[in-house]
Amino acid sequence: MLGTVLLIILILALIGSVPVYPYSAGWGYFPSGIIGTILIVWLILVLVGRV
């Protein structure tokens, strides 16, 4: 249950960090890179069985 909620939150954060507007185009990969790193760590924890 907790894993599913965390997955949904991470997916929404990943979608929200995509630079869509002209002012956010200069952000580069910073927002999505951080969210992607968190998602990878979460996936590793799920595979190991910690979450």
C-alpha atoms as a PDB file:
ATOM      1  CA  MET A   1       0.000   0.000   0.000  1.00  0.00           C
ATOM      2  CA  LEU A   2       2.707   2.481   0.998  1.00  0.00           C
ATOM      3  CA  GLY A   3       4.784   1.498  -2.019  1.00  0.00           C
ATOM      4  CA  THR A   4       1.908   2.225  -4.374  1.00  0.00           C
ATOM      5  CA  VAL A   5       1.311   5.643  -2.850  1.00  0.00           C
ATOM      6  CA  LEU A   6       5.012   6.494  -3.103  1.00  0.00           C
ATOM      7  CA  LEU A   7       5.093   5.359  -6.724  1.00  0.00           C
ATOM      8  CA  ILE A   8       2.119   7.557  -7.611  1.00  0.00           C
ATOM      9  CA  ILE A   9       3.682  10.566  -5.877  1.00  0.00           C
ATOM     10  CA  LEU A  10       7.006  10.032  -7.650  1.00  0.00           C
ATOM     11  CA  ILE A  11       5.340   9.680 -11.050  1.00  0.00           C
ATOM     12  CA  LEU A  12       3.362  12.881 -10.515  1.00  0.00           C
ATOM     13  CA  ALA A  13       6.515  14.697  -9.402  1.00  0.00           C
ATOM     14  CA  LEU A  14       8.358  13.446 -12.482  1.00  0.00           C
ATOM     15  CA  ILE A  15       5.588  14.682 -14.779  1.00  0.00           C
ATOM     16  CA  GLY A  16       5.480  18.013 -12.947  1.00  0.00           C
ATOM     17  CA  SER A  17       9.214  18.584 -13.281  1.00  0.00           C
ATOM     18  CA  VAL A  18       9.276  18.446 -17.086  1.00  0.00           C
ATOM     19  CA  PRO A  19      10.130  21.924 -18.414  1.00  0.00           C
ATOM     20  CA  VAL A  20       7.116  22.892 -20.526  1.00  0.00           C
ATOM     21  CA  TYR A  21       6.888  26.661 -20.240  1.00  0.00           C
ATOM     22  CA  PRO A  22       9.435  29.005 -21.837  1.00  0.00           C
ATOM     23  CA  TYR A  23      10.713  30.307 -18.481  1.00  0.00           C
ATOM     24  CA  SER A  24      11.450  26.773 -17.288  1.00  0.00           C
ATOM     25  CA  ALA A  25      13.360  25.748 -20.416  1.00  0.00           C
ATOM     26  CA  GLY A  26      16.563  27.142 -18.894  1.00  0.00           C
ATOM     27  CA  TRP A  27      16.351  24.802 -15.927  1.00  0.00           C
ATOM     28  CA  GLY A  28      17.922  21.979 -17.926  1.00  0.00           C
ATOM     29  CA  TYR A  29      17.829  18.469 -16.503  1.00  0.00           C
ATOM     30  CA  PHE A  30      18.035  19.546 -12.859  1.00  0.00           C
ATOM     31  CA  PRO A  31      14.400  18.968 -11.709  1.00  0.00           C
ATOM     32  CA  SER A  32      13.773  15.778 -13.659  1.00  0.00           C
ATOM     33  CA  GLY A  33      17.252  14.476 -12.826  1.00  0.00           C
ATOM     34  CA  ILE A  34      16.615  14.701  -9.102  1.00  0.00           C
ATOM     35  CA  ILE A  35      13.194  13.072  -9.403  1.00  0.00           C
ATOM     36  CA  GLY A  36      14.650  10.367 -11.645  1.00  0.00           C
ATOM     37  CA  THR A  37      17.377   9.634  -9.109  1.00  0.00           C
ATOM     38  CA  ILE A  38      14.787   9.343  -6.339  1.00  0.00           C
ATOM     39  CA  LEU A  39      12.739   7.018  -8.555  1.00  0.00           C
ATOM     40  CA  ILE A  40      15.759   4.776  -9.205  1.00  0.00           C
ATOM     41  CA  VAL A  41      16.566   4.592  -5.488  1.00  0.00           C
ATOM     42  CA  TRP A  42      12.943   3.737  -4.762  1.00  0.00           C
ATOM     43  CA  LEU A  43      12.933   0.990  -7.382  1.00  0.00           C
ATOM     44  CA  ILE A  44      16.095  -0.505  -5.897  1.00  0.00           C
ATOM     45  CA  LEU A  45      14.524  -0.457  -2.429  1.00  0.00           C
ATOM     46  CA  VAL A  46      11.412  -2.182  -3.793  1.00  0.00           C
ATOM     47  CA  LEU A  47      13.493  -4.870  -5.490  1.00  0.00           C
ATOM     48  CA  VAL A  48      15.505  -5.457  -2.321  1.00  0.00           C
ATOM     49  CA  GLY A  49      12.303  -5.622  -0.284  1.00  0.00           C
ATOM     50  CA  ARG A  50      12.775  -2.637   2.013  1.00  0.00           C
ATOM     51  CA  VAL A  51       9.578  -0.810   0.967  1.00  0.00           C
END
